[in-house]
């Protein structure tokens, strides 16, 4: 109903309007781990095989006075004692939002656990490679970069190598791995990449 105000989607990330109220019914806190002191410093969390992957978001951009963006890797196998075991740094002018996912891949080019995270831009007046990034997290405490930035580059966007990505997810199909990216620069656009060979999406 137009008289009820803007639709919920118009208010996302802009205050409490349009969001469900917080609740804790049937939820019990069993442990805590502080990864940031900045409000909204964590944007998203993914879980895979005993490890949590948490995106350090825009408030952590160095240009915003933060400690730096990327992905915190936390060992949660002992739920009472979570431990940070690694950090996957991103480009200094990029941050991670709602886009963190891990799959087990078995392709002719890569066998192991593959992580994808999105890349958005901290300061649009400065260069950021943007797109999305792939990491080998087969050993979560010793992650290895597979491809730190890839994505859609057409049409070209000022100060970006690739379009900024709001969200990223991986899917496996047989011996193939696909990345699905929600494109910030072409708002009606979803980009799908074959990343079976992560070095050459």
N, C-alpha and C. Protein backbone atom coordinates (compact mmCIF):
# COMPACT_ATOMS: atom_id res chain seq x y z
N UNK A 1 0.84 -1.18 0.00
CA UNK A 1 0.00 0.00 0.00
C UNK A 1 0.89 1.25 0.00
N UNK A 2 0.79 2.12 -1.01
CA UNK A 2 1.65 3.31 -1.07
C UNK A 2 1.50 4.21 0.14
N UNK A 3 0.35 4.17 0.79
CA UNK A 3 0.14 5.03 1.96
C UNK A 3 0.95 4.57 3.17
N UNK A 4 1.44 3.35 3.14
CA UNK A 4 2.23 2.81 4.25
C UNK A 4 3.69 3.23 4.19
N UNK A 5 4.08 4.03 3.20
CA UNK A 5 5.47 4.46 3.09
C UNK A 5 6.24 3.62 2.10
N UNK A 6 7.56 3.82 2.04
CA UNK A 6 8.38 3.11 1.05
C UNK A 6 8.42 1.62 1.33
N UNK A 7 8.60 0.82 0.29
CA UNK A 7 8.72 -0.63 0.52
C UNK A 7 9.96 -0.92 1.34
N UNK A 8 9.99 -2.07 2.05
CA UNK A 8 11.14 -2.40 2.89
C UNK A 8 12.47 -2.34 2.14
N UNK A 9 12.48 -2.75 0.85
CA UNK A 9 13.74 -2.76 0.12
C UNK A 9 14.34 -1.37 -0.03
N UNK A 10 13.49 -0.33 0.03
CA UNK A 10 13.99 1.03 -0.12
C UNK A 10 14.77 1.49 1.10
N UNK A 11 14.63 0.78 2.21
CA UNK A 11 15.27 1.21 3.45
C UNK A 11 16.39 0.30 3.90
N UNK A 12 16.70 -0.73 3.13
CA UNK A 12 17.76 -1.64 3.54
C UNK A 12 19.06 -0.90 3.75
N UNK A 13 19.76 -1.22 4.81
CA UNK A 13 21.05 -0.63 5.17
C UNK A 13 20.94 0.85 5.48
N UNK A 14 19.72 1.33 5.75
CA UNK A 14 19.56 2.75 6.02
C UNK A 14 18.81 2.97 7.31
N UNK A 15 19.06 2.21 8.32
CA UNK A 15 18.33 2.33 9.57
C UNK A 15 17.52 1.09 9.84
N UNK A 16 16.66 1.15 10.84
CA UNK A 16 15.91 -0.02 11.25
C UNK A 16 14.65 -0.25 10.43
N UNK A 17 14.18 0.78 9.70
CA UNK A 17 12.97 0.62 8.90
C UNK A 17 13.10 -0.49 7.89
N UNK A 18 12.03 -1.27 7.74
CA UNK A 18 12.02 -2.33 6.76
C UNK A 18 12.69 -3.62 7.20
N UNK A 19 13.18 -3.67 8.45
CA UNK A 19 13.84 -4.86 8.96
C UNK A 19 12.94 -5.56 9.98
N UNK A 20 13.10 -6.85 10.10
CA UNK A 20 12.39 -7.58 11.14
C UNK A 20 12.96 -7.18 12.50
N UNK A 21 12.11 -7.17 13.52
CA UNK A 21 12.64 -6.83 14.86
C UNK A 21 13.59 -7.92 15.36
N UNK A 22 14.56 -7.51 16.14
CA UNK A 22 15.51 -8.48 16.72
C UNK A 22 14.78 -9.40 17.70
N UNK A 23 15.28 -10.59 17.82
CA UNK A 23 14.70 -11.54 18.76
C UNK A 23 15.72 -12.58 19.16
N UNK A 24 15.44 -13.27 20.26
CA UNK A 24 16.37 -14.30 20.73
C UNK A 24 15.63 -15.54 21.23
N UNK A 25 14.40 -15.72 20.81
CA UNK A 25 13.62 -16.89 21.23
C UNK A 25 14.33 -18.17 20.80
N UNK A 26 14.49 -19.06 21.74
CA UNK A 26 15.13 -20.36 21.53
C UNK A 26 16.60 -20.25 21.10
N UNK A 27 17.25 -19.12 21.41
CA UNK A 27 18.66 -18.93 21.11
C UNK A 27 19.41 -18.75 22.42
N UNK A 28 20.51 -19.46 22.59
CA UNK A 28 21.31 -19.38 23.81
C UNK A 28 22.74 -19.01 23.44
N UNK A 29 23.25 -17.94 24.03
CA UNK A 29 24.63 -17.52 23.79
C UNK A 29 25.58 -18.49 24.50
N UNK A 30 26.53 -19.04 23.75
CA UNK A 30 27.48 -19.97 24.38
C UNK A 30 28.91 -19.46 24.38
N UNK A 31 29.23 -18.48 23.52
CA UNK A 31 30.58 -17.91 23.53
C UNK A 31 30.58 -16.64 22.70
N UNK A 32 31.66 -15.87 22.85
CA UNK A 32 31.84 -14.63 22.09
C UNK A 32 33.30 -14.53 21.64
N UNK A 33 33.49 -13.79 20.55
CA UNK A 33 34.83 -13.46 20.08
C UNK A 33 34.76 -12.10 19.43
N UNK A 34 35.49 -11.12 19.96
CA UNK A 34 35.47 -9.76 19.40
C UNK A 34 36.51 -9.67 18.28
N UNK A 35 36.01 -9.33 17.08
CA UNK A 35 36.87 -9.19 15.91
C UNK A 35 37.04 -7.73 15.49
N UNK A 36 36.19 -6.85 15.98
CA UNK A 36 36.25 -5.44 15.63
C UNK A 36 35.63 -4.62 16.76
N UNK A 37 36.06 -3.38 16.87
CA UNK A 37 35.45 -2.44 17.80
C UNK A 37 34.57 -1.44 17.06
N UNK A 38 34.45 -1.58 15.75
CA UNK A 38 33.71 -0.61 14.94
C UNK A 38 32.28 -1.09 14.70
N UNK A 39 31.32 -0.20 14.91
CA UNK A 39 29.92 -0.54 14.67
C UNK A 39 29.75 -0.96 13.22
N UNK A 40 29.04 -2.06 13.01
CA UNK A 40 28.80 -2.63 11.68
C UNK A 40 30.10 -3.04 10.98
N UNK A 41 31.14 -3.35 11.75
CA UNK A 41 32.42 -3.75 11.19
C UNK A 41 32.41 -5.13 10.55
N UNK A 42 31.41 -5.95 10.89
CA UNK A 42 31.24 -7.27 10.27
C UNK A 42 29.94 -7.24 9.48
N UNK A 43 30.01 -7.60 8.19
CA UNK A 43 28.83 -7.52 7.33
C UNK A 43 28.15 -8.87 7.12
N UNK A 44 28.90 -9.95 7.13
CA UNK A 44 28.32 -11.24 6.77
C UNK A 44 29.17 -12.34 7.38
N UNK A 45 28.56 -13.50 7.54
CA UNK A 45 29.28 -14.65 8.07
C UNK A 45 28.89 -15.89 7.28
N UNK A 46 29.89 -16.69 6.96
CA UNK A 46 29.66 -17.98 6.33
C UNK A 46 30.27 -19.06 7.21
N UNK A 47 29.81 -20.28 7.06
CA UNK A 47 30.34 -21.40 7.86
C UNK A 47 30.62 -22.56 6.93
N UNK A 48 31.76 -23.24 7.18
CA UNK A 48 32.07 -24.44 6.42
C UNK A 48 33.00 -25.32 7.24
N UNK A 49 32.56 -26.53 7.51
CA UNK A 49 33.41 -27.59 8.06
C UNK A 49 34.17 -27.16 9.32
N UNK A 50 33.47 -26.52 10.26
CA UNK A 50 34.09 -26.18 11.55
C UNK A 50 34.72 -24.81 11.61
N UNK A 51 34.62 -24.03 10.54
CA UNK A 51 35.22 -22.70 10.52
C UNK A 51 34.19 -21.67 10.08
N UNK A 52 34.25 -20.51 10.74
CA UNK A 52 33.41 -19.38 10.37
C UNK A 52 34.26 -18.37 9.62
N UNK A 53 33.67 -17.76 8.60
CA UNK A 53 34.34 -16.77 7.76
C UNK A 53 33.51 -15.49 7.84
N UNK A 54 34.13 -14.40 8.37
CA UNK A 54 33.39 -13.18 8.64
C UNK A 54 33.97 -12.01 7.85
N UNK A 55 33.11 -11.32 7.11
CA UNK A 55 33.55 -10.22 6.25
C UNK A 55 33.74 -8.94 7.05
N UNK A 56 34.94 -8.36 6.98
CA UNK A 56 35.23 -7.05 7.56
C UNK A 56 34.73 -5.99 6.57
N UNK A 57 33.75 -5.20 6.99
CA UNK A 57 33.02 -4.34 6.08
C UNK A 57 33.50 -2.89 6.08
N UNK A 58 32.72 -2.01 5.44
CA UNK A 58 33.11 -0.62 5.15
C UNK A 58 33.66 0.15 6.35
N UNK A 59 33.11 0.02 7.56
CA UNK A 59 33.70 0.76 8.67
C UNK A 59 35.17 0.40 8.93
N UNK A 60 35.61 -0.76 8.45
CA UNK A 60 37.00 -1.17 8.63
C UNK A 60 37.92 -0.69 7.50
N UNK A 61 37.38 0.02 6.49
CA UNK A 61 38.23 0.60 5.44
C UNK A 61 39.27 1.51 6.09
N UNK A 62 40.50 1.39 5.65
CA UNK A 62 41.57 2.22 6.22
C UNK A 62 41.23 3.70 6.05
N UNK A 63 40.64 4.05 4.90
CA UNK A 63 40.25 5.43 4.66
C UNK A 63 39.17 5.94 5.60
N UNK A 64 38.45 5.02 6.24
CA UNK A 64 37.43 5.38 7.24
C UNK A 64 37.99 5.31 8.66
N UNK A 65 39.31 5.10 8.76
CA UNK A 65 39.93 4.99 10.08
C UNK A 65 39.94 3.59 10.66
N UNK A 66 39.56 2.60 9.84
CA UNK A 66 39.51 1.22 10.31
C UNK A 66 40.86 0.52 10.22
N UNK A 67 40.86 -0.73 10.66
CA UNK A 67 42.09 -1.52 10.71
C UNK A 67 42.40 -2.22 9.39
N UNK A 68 41.46 -2.21 8.46
CA UNK A 68 41.64 -2.91 7.19
C UNK A 68 40.57 -3.94 6.97
N UNK A 69 40.24 -4.18 5.71
CA UNK A 69 39.15 -5.08 5.37
C UNK A 69 39.67 -6.42 4.87
N UNK A 70 38.76 -7.37 4.79
CA UNK A 70 39.09 -8.72 4.36
C UNK A 70 38.16 -9.70 5.04
N UNK A 71 38.66 -10.90 5.29
CA UNK A 71 37.84 -11.96 5.88
C UNK A 71 38.57 -12.54 7.09
N UNK A 72 37.89 -12.51 8.25
CA UNK A 72 38.40 -13.15 9.46
C UNK A 72 38.06 -14.65 9.38
N UNK A 73 39.01 -15.49 9.68
CA UNK A 73 38.79 -16.95 9.71
C UNK A 73 38.84 -17.38 11.17
N UNK A 74 37.73 -18.00 11.64
CA UNK A 74 37.60 -18.36 13.04
C UNK A 74 37.32 -19.86 13.16
N UNK A 75 38.14 -20.52 13.95
CA UNK A 75 37.94 -21.94 14.25
C UNK A 75 36.85 -22.04 15.31
N UNK A 76 35.70 -22.62 14.95
CA UNK A 76 34.58 -22.75 15.89
C UNK A 76 34.28 -24.22 16.20
N UNK A 77 35.26 -25.09 15.99
CA UNK A 77 35.04 -26.50 16.29
C UNK A 77 34.80 -26.70 17.78
N UNK A 78 35.48 -25.92 18.62
CA UNK A 78 35.18 -25.89 20.05
C UNK A 78 34.28 -24.68 20.25
N UNK A 79 32.98 -24.92 20.31
CA UNK A 79 32.02 -23.82 20.35
C UNK A 79 32.17 -22.94 21.58
N UNK A 80 32.74 -23.48 22.63
CA UNK A 80 32.93 -22.69 23.85
C UNK A 80 34.16 -21.79 23.77
N UNK A 81 35.04 -22.04 22.80
CA UNK A 81 36.29 -21.30 22.72
C UNK A 81 36.66 -21.01 21.26
N UNK A 82 35.91 -20.13 20.57
CA UNK A 82 36.27 -19.82 19.18
C UNK A 82 37.61 -19.09 19.12
N UNK A 83 38.41 -19.40 18.09
CA UNK A 83 39.75 -18.80 17.95
C UNK A 83 39.93 -18.28 16.53
N UNK A 84 40.40 -17.04 16.40
CA UNK A 84 40.75 -16.51 15.09
C UNK A 84 42.06 -17.15 14.67
N UNK A 85 42.09 -17.74 13.45
CA UNK A 85 43.28 -18.45 13.00
C UNK A 85 43.91 -17.82 11.76
N UNK A 86 43.19 -16.92 11.08
CA UNK A 86 43.76 -16.31 9.86
C UNK A 86 42.94 -15.08 9.49
N UNK A 87 43.51 -14.31 8.59
CA UNK A 87 42.82 -13.15 8.02
C UNK A 87 43.18 -13.07 6.55
N UNK A 88 42.17 -12.94 5.69
CA UNK A 88 42.37 -12.83 4.25
C UNK A 88 42.24 -11.35 3.89
N UNK A 89 43.35 -10.64 3.70
CA UNK A 89 43.27 -9.20 3.46
C UNK A 89 42.76 -8.89 2.05
N UNK A 90 42.01 -7.80 1.96
CA UNK A 90 41.57 -7.35 0.64
C UNK A 90 42.33 -6.09 0.25
N UNK A 91 42.08 -5.62 -0.96
CA UNK A 91 42.70 -4.39 -1.43
C UNK A 91 42.35 -3.26 -0.45
N UNK A 92 43.28 -2.34 -0.18
CA UNK A 92 43.03 -1.29 0.82
C UNK A 92 41.80 -0.43 0.54
N UNK A 93 41.36 -0.33 -0.74
CA UNK A 93 40.19 0.48 -1.06
C UNK A 93 38.97 -0.38 -1.39
N UNK A 94 38.98 -1.63 -0.90
CA UNK A 94 37.84 -2.52 -1.09
C UNK A 94 37.34 -2.98 0.27
N UNK A 95 36.07 -3.31 0.33
CA UNK A 95 35.51 -3.92 1.55
C UNK A 95 34.60 -5.07 1.16
N UNK A 96 34.30 -5.93 2.12
CA UNK A 96 33.47 -7.09 1.89
C UNK A 96 32.10 -6.86 2.54
N UNK A 97 31.06 -7.18 1.81
CA UNK A 97 29.69 -6.99 2.30
C UNK A 97 28.99 -8.33 2.44
N UNK A 98 27.81 -8.43 1.84
CA UNK A 98 27.03 -9.66 1.94
C UNK A 98 27.46 -10.63 0.85
N UNK A 99 28.59 -11.24 1.04
CA UNK A 99 29.05 -12.18 0.04
C UNK A 99 30.24 -12.97 0.53
N UNK A 100 29.99 -14.09 1.20
CA UNK A 100 31.07 -14.98 1.66
C UNK A 100 30.53 -16.41 1.58
N UNK A 101 31.28 -17.29 0.90
CA UNK A 101 30.77 -18.65 0.70
C UNK A 101 31.94 -19.58 0.43
N UNK A 102 31.83 -20.81 0.92
CA UNK A 102 32.87 -21.83 0.72
C UNK A 102 32.22 -23.09 0.18
N UNK A 103 32.87 -23.72 -0.80
CA UNK A 103 32.43 -25.03 -1.30
C UNK A 103 33.63 -25.96 -1.39
N UNK A 104 33.35 -27.25 -1.40
CA UNK A 104 34.38 -28.25 -1.69
C UNK A 104 34.36 -28.50 -3.18
N UNK A 105 35.50 -28.28 -3.84
CA UNK A 105 35.58 -28.37 -5.29
C UNK A 105 36.48 -29.53 -5.70
N UNK A 106 36.14 -30.14 -6.82
CA UNK A 106 36.96 -31.20 -7.40
C UNK A 106 36.90 -31.03 -8.91
N UNK A 107 37.80 -30.20 -9.43
CA UNK A 107 37.82 -29.92 -10.86
C UNK A 107 39.18 -30.34 -11.42
N UNK A 108 39.33 -30.35 -12.74
CA UNK A 108 40.65 -30.68 -13.30
C UNK A 108 41.75 -29.70 -12.87
N UNK A 109 41.38 -28.50 -12.42
CA UNK A 109 42.36 -27.47 -12.08
C UNK A 109 42.52 -27.24 -10.58
N UNK A 110 41.50 -27.61 -9.80
CA UNK A 110 41.56 -27.33 -8.37
C UNK A 110 40.77 -28.38 -7.59
N UNK A 111 41.41 -28.90 -6.55
CA UNK A 111 40.72 -29.84 -5.66
C UNK A 111 40.95 -29.35 -4.24
N UNK A 112 39.87 -29.08 -3.53
CA UNK A 112 39.96 -28.58 -2.16
C UNK A 112 38.79 -27.68 -1.85
N UNK A 113 38.95 -26.86 -0.82
CA UNK A 113 37.89 -25.96 -0.37
C UNK A 113 38.15 -24.57 -0.93
N UNK A 114 37.18 -24.06 -1.67
CA UNK A 114 37.30 -22.77 -2.35
C UNK A 114 36.36 -21.76 -1.70
N UNK A 115 36.91 -20.59 -1.38
CA UNK A 115 36.13 -19.50 -0.79
C UNK A 115 36.01 -18.37 -1.80
N UNK A 116 34.83 -17.75 -1.83
CA UNK A 116 34.63 -16.53 -2.61
C UNK A 116 34.17 -15.43 -1.68
N UNK A 117 34.67 -14.21 -1.90
CA UNK A 117 34.10 -13.04 -1.22
C UNK A 117 33.91 -11.93 -2.24
N UNK A 118 32.92 -11.09 -1.96
CA UNK A 118 32.65 -9.94 -2.82
C UNK A 118 33.63 -8.82 -2.52
N UNK A 119 33.71 -7.86 -3.43
CA UNK A 119 34.53 -6.66 -3.25
C UNK A 119 33.72 -5.43 -3.64
N UNK A 120 33.50 -4.55 -2.68
CA UNK A 120 32.88 -3.26 -2.94
C UNK A 120 33.92 -2.18 -2.69
N UNK A 121 33.60 -0.94 -3.05
CA UNK A 121 34.59 0.13 -3.05
C UNK A 121 34.42 1.04 -1.85
N UNK A 122 35.51 1.28 -1.11
CA UNK A 122 35.47 2.18 0.04
C UNK A 122 35.29 3.63 -0.41
N UNK A 123 36.12 4.07 -1.35
CA UNK A 123 36.12 5.46 -1.80
C UNK A 123 36.11 5.46 -3.33
N UNK A 124 34.98 5.86 -3.91
CA UNK A 124 34.80 5.78 -5.36
C UNK A 124 35.71 6.72 -6.14
N UNK A 125 36.34 7.67 -5.46
CA UNK A 125 37.23 8.59 -6.17
C UNK A 125 38.65 8.04 -6.30
N UNK A 126 38.90 6.87 -5.70
CA UNK A 126 40.21 6.23 -5.76
C UNK A 126 40.06 4.85 -6.41
N UNK A 127 41.16 4.31 -6.93
CA UNK A 127 41.12 3.01 -7.60
C UNK A 127 40.81 1.87 -6.63
N UNK A 128 39.98 0.97 -7.09
CA UNK A 128 39.73 -0.31 -6.40
C UNK A 128 39.53 -1.37 -7.48
N UNK A 129 40.16 -2.54 -7.36
CA UNK A 129 39.98 -3.57 -8.39
C UNK A 129 38.58 -4.15 -8.43
N UNK A 130 37.90 -4.21 -7.28
CA UNK A 130 36.50 -4.64 -7.17
C UNK A 130 36.30 -6.08 -7.65
N UNK A 131 35.11 -6.40 -8.17
CA UNK A 131 34.78 -7.76 -8.58
C UNK A 131 34.59 -8.69 -7.39
N UNK A 132 35.19 -9.86 -7.46
CA UNK A 132 35.15 -10.85 -6.38
C UNK A 132 36.51 -11.51 -6.32
N UNK A 133 36.77 -12.22 -5.22
CA UNK A 133 38.07 -12.88 -5.03
C UNK A 133 37.88 -14.33 -4.59
N UNK A 134 38.80 -15.18 -5.01
CA UNK A 134 38.78 -16.60 -4.69
C UNK A 134 40.01 -16.98 -3.87
N UNK A 135 39.80 -17.81 -2.85
CA UNK A 135 40.88 -18.28 -1.98
C UNK A 135 40.79 -19.79 -1.80
N UNK A 136 41.94 -20.41 -1.63
CA UNK A 136 42.02 -21.83 -1.24
C UNK A 136 42.04 -21.86 0.29
N UNK A 137 40.97 -22.40 0.89
CA UNK A 137 40.90 -22.51 2.35
C UNK A 137 40.84 -23.98 2.76
N UNK A 138 41.49 -24.83 1.97
CA UNK A 138 41.56 -26.25 2.32
C UNK A 138 42.19 -26.39 3.71
N UNK A 139 43.22 -25.60 3.98
CA UNK A 139 43.76 -25.44 5.32
C UNK A 139 43.35 -24.04 5.77
N UNK A 140 42.27 -23.91 6.54
CA UNK A 140 41.74 -22.59 6.85
C UNK A 140 42.73 -21.69 7.59
N UNK A 141 43.66 -22.27 8.32
CA UNK A 141 44.64 -21.47 9.06
C UNK A 141 45.75 -20.95 8.15
N UNK A 142 45.83 -21.49 6.93
CA UNK A 142 46.86 -21.08 5.97
C UNK A 142 46.23 -20.87 4.60
N UNK A 143 45.34 -19.89 4.47
CA UNK A 143 44.67 -19.67 3.18
C UNK A 143 45.64 -19.19 2.11
N UNK A 144 45.34 -19.56 0.85
CA UNK A 144 46.17 -19.15 -0.28
C UNK A 144 45.28 -18.45 -1.31
N UNK A 145 45.71 -17.30 -1.82
CA UNK A 145 44.91 -16.63 -2.86
C UNK A 145 44.92 -17.44 -4.15
N UNK A 146 43.75 -17.55 -4.76
CA UNK A 146 43.62 -18.21 -6.06
C UNK A 146 43.45 -17.19 -7.17
N UNK A 147 42.64 -16.17 -6.91
CA UNK A 147 42.41 -15.10 -7.88
C UNK A 147 41.82 -13.93 -7.09
N UNK A 148 42.63 -12.91 -6.85
CA UNK A 148 42.22 -11.86 -5.93
C UNK A 148 41.22 -10.87 -6.49
N UNK A 149 41.05 -10.79 -7.76
CA UNK A 149 40.00 -9.93 -8.31
C UNK A 149 39.65 -10.41 -9.71
N UNK A 150 38.37 -10.67 -9.93
CA UNK A 150 37.85 -10.98 -11.26
C UNK A 150 36.41 -10.50 -11.29
N UNK A 151 35.86 -10.37 -12.47
CA UNK A 151 34.47 -9.96 -12.57
C UNK A 151 34.15 -9.38 -13.93
N UNK A 152 33.05 -8.64 -13.97
CA UNK A 152 32.57 -8.02 -15.19
C UNK A 152 33.26 -6.66 -15.36
N UNK A 153 33.86 -6.44 -16.51
CA UNK A 153 34.56 -5.18 -16.76
C UNK A 153 33.88 -4.35 -17.85
N UNK A 154 32.71 -4.79 -18.32
CA UNK A 154 32.03 -4.11 -19.43
C UNK A 154 30.61 -3.72 -19.02
N UNK A 155 30.22 -2.46 -19.11
CA UNK A 155 31.03 -1.33 -19.55
C UNK A 155 32.03 -0.92 -18.47
N UNK A 156 33.08 -0.23 -18.87
CA UNK A 156 34.10 0.21 -17.92
C UNK A 156 33.49 1.19 -16.92
N UNK A 157 33.98 1.11 -15.66
CA UNK A 157 33.54 2.00 -14.60
C UNK A 157 34.77 2.74 -14.08
N UNK A 158 34.64 4.04 -13.89
CA UNK A 158 35.78 4.85 -13.45
C UNK A 158 36.37 4.31 -12.15
N UNK A 159 37.69 4.23 -12.09
CA UNK A 159 38.45 3.83 -10.90
C UNK A 159 38.24 2.38 -10.47
N UNK A 160 37.68 1.52 -11.34
CA UNK A 160 37.50 0.12 -11.02
C UNK A 160 37.99 -0.74 -12.17
N UNK A 161 38.70 -1.82 -11.86
CA UNK A 161 39.07 -2.78 -12.90
C UNK A 161 37.85 -3.62 -13.30
N UNK A 162 37.01 -3.96 -12.29
CA UNK A 162 35.81 -4.75 -12.51
C UNK A 162 34.65 -4.07 -11.78
N UNK A 163 33.45 -4.42 -12.16
CA UNK A 163 32.29 -3.87 -11.47
C UNK A 163 32.31 -4.30 -10.00
N UNK A 164 31.90 -3.39 -9.11
CA UNK A 164 31.79 -3.75 -7.70
C UNK A 164 30.69 -4.81 -7.55
N UNK A 165 30.89 -5.71 -6.61
CA UNK A 165 29.97 -6.84 -6.41
C UNK A 165 29.34 -6.75 -5.04
N UNK A 166 28.02 -6.77 -5.00
CA UNK A 166 27.32 -6.68 -3.71
C UNK A 166 27.30 -8.03 -2.99
N UNK A 167 27.15 -9.09 -3.74
CA UNK A 167 27.04 -10.41 -3.14
C UNK A 167 27.65 -11.44 -4.07
N UNK A 168 28.22 -12.50 -3.50
CA UNK A 168 28.86 -13.54 -4.29
C UNK A 168 28.59 -14.90 -3.68
N UNK A 169 28.36 -15.90 -4.52
CA UNK A 169 28.14 -17.25 -4.03
C UNK A 169 28.69 -18.24 -5.05
N UNK A 170 29.16 -19.39 -4.54
CA UNK A 170 29.66 -20.47 -5.38
C UNK A 170 28.66 -21.62 -5.44
N UNK A 171 28.63 -22.30 -6.58
CA UNK A 171 27.82 -23.50 -6.75
C UNK A 171 28.67 -24.54 -7.45
N UNK A 172 28.55 -25.79 -7.03
CA UNK A 172 29.24 -26.88 -7.72
C UNK A 172 28.22 -27.67 -8.51
N UNK A 173 28.67 -28.16 -9.68
CA UNK A 173 27.84 -29.01 -10.52
C UNK A 173 28.77 -30.01 -11.18
N UNK A 174 28.78 -31.23 -10.65
CA UNK A 174 29.73 -32.22 -11.14
C UNK A 174 31.14 -31.74 -10.86
N UNK A 175 31.97 -31.68 -11.90
CA UNK A 175 33.36 -31.24 -11.73
C UNK A 175 33.54 -29.78 -12.14
N UNK A 176 32.46 -29.03 -12.08
CA UNK A 176 32.49 -27.60 -12.39
C UNK A 176 32.16 -26.81 -11.12
N UNK A 177 32.70 -25.57 -11.07
CA UNK A 177 32.34 -24.63 -10.00
C UNK A 177 31.94 -23.32 -10.68
N UNK A 178 30.80 -22.78 -10.26
CA UNK A 178 30.29 -21.54 -10.81
C UNK A 178 30.20 -20.48 -9.71
N UNK A 179 30.55 -19.25 -10.08
CA UNK A 179 30.41 -18.10 -9.19
C UNK A 179 29.27 -17.24 -9.72
N UNK A 180 28.39 -16.82 -8.81
CA UNK A 180 27.29 -15.94 -9.16
C UNK A 180 27.52 -14.63 -8.41
N UNK A 181 27.62 -13.52 -9.16
CA UNK A 181 27.93 -12.21 -8.60
C UNK A 181 26.77 -11.25 -8.85
N UNK A 182 26.36 -10.55 -7.79
CA UNK A 182 25.34 -9.49 -7.92
C UNK A 182 26.08 -8.19 -8.20
N UNK A 183 25.87 -7.66 -9.38
CA UNK A 183 26.63 -6.53 -9.91
C UNK A 183 26.08 -5.20 -9.37
N UNK A 184 26.93 -4.41 -8.71
CA UNK A 184 26.52 -3.10 -8.18
C UNK A 184 26.38 -2.05 -9.26
N UNK A 185 27.13 -2.18 -10.35
CA UNK A 185 27.17 -1.13 -11.36
C UNK A 185 26.11 -1.30 -12.43
N UNK A 186 25.69 -2.53 -12.68
CA UNK A 186 24.55 -2.79 -13.55
C UNK A 186 23.49 -3.44 -12.66
N UNK A 187 22.61 -2.62 -12.12
CA UNK A 187 21.78 -3.06 -11.00
C UNK A 187 20.79 -4.15 -11.36
N UNK A 188 20.48 -4.33 -12.62
CA UNK A 188 19.57 -5.41 -13.01
C UNK A 188 20.35 -6.64 -13.46
N UNK A 189 21.62 -6.70 -13.11
CA UNK A 189 22.55 -7.68 -13.69
C UNK A 189 23.04 -8.67 -12.65
N UNK A 190 23.01 -9.95 -12.99
CA UNK A 190 23.68 -11.00 -12.23
C UNK A 190 24.68 -11.65 -13.17
N UNK A 191 25.94 -11.71 -12.75
CA UNK A 191 27.00 -12.26 -13.59
C UNK A 191 27.33 -13.68 -13.13
N UNK A 192 27.43 -14.60 -14.06
CA UNK A 192 27.75 -16.00 -13.75
C UNK A 192 29.06 -16.35 -14.43
N UNK A 193 30.02 -16.86 -13.64
CA UNK A 193 31.35 -17.21 -14.14
C UNK A 193 31.62 -18.68 -13.86
N UNK A 194 32.26 -19.34 -14.81
CA UNK A 194 32.82 -20.67 -14.57
C UNK A 194 34.18 -20.45 -13.92
N UNK A 195 34.32 -20.85 -12.66
CA UNK A 195 35.59 -20.68 -11.94
C UNK A 195 36.22 -22.04 -11.64
N UNK A 196 35.89 -23.03 -12.45
CA UNK A 196 36.48 -24.36 -12.27
C UNK A 196 38.00 -24.26 -12.29
N UNK A 197 38.52 -23.41 -13.16
CA UNK A 197 39.93 -23.04 -13.13
C UNK A 197 39.97 -21.65 -12.51
N UNK A 198 40.23 -21.56 -11.21
CA UNK A 198 40.12 -20.27 -10.54
C UNK A 198 41.12 -19.22 -11.06
N UNK A 199 42.19 -19.66 -11.69
CA UNK A 199 43.16 -18.71 -12.24
C UNK A 199 42.63 -18.04 -13.50
N UNK A 200 41.60 -18.61 -14.12
CA UNK A 200 41.08 -18.06 -15.38
C UNK A 200 39.56 -18.18 -15.42
N UNK A 201 38.87 -17.38 -14.62
CA UNK A 201 37.39 -17.44 -14.65
C UNK A 201 36.85 -17.10 -16.04
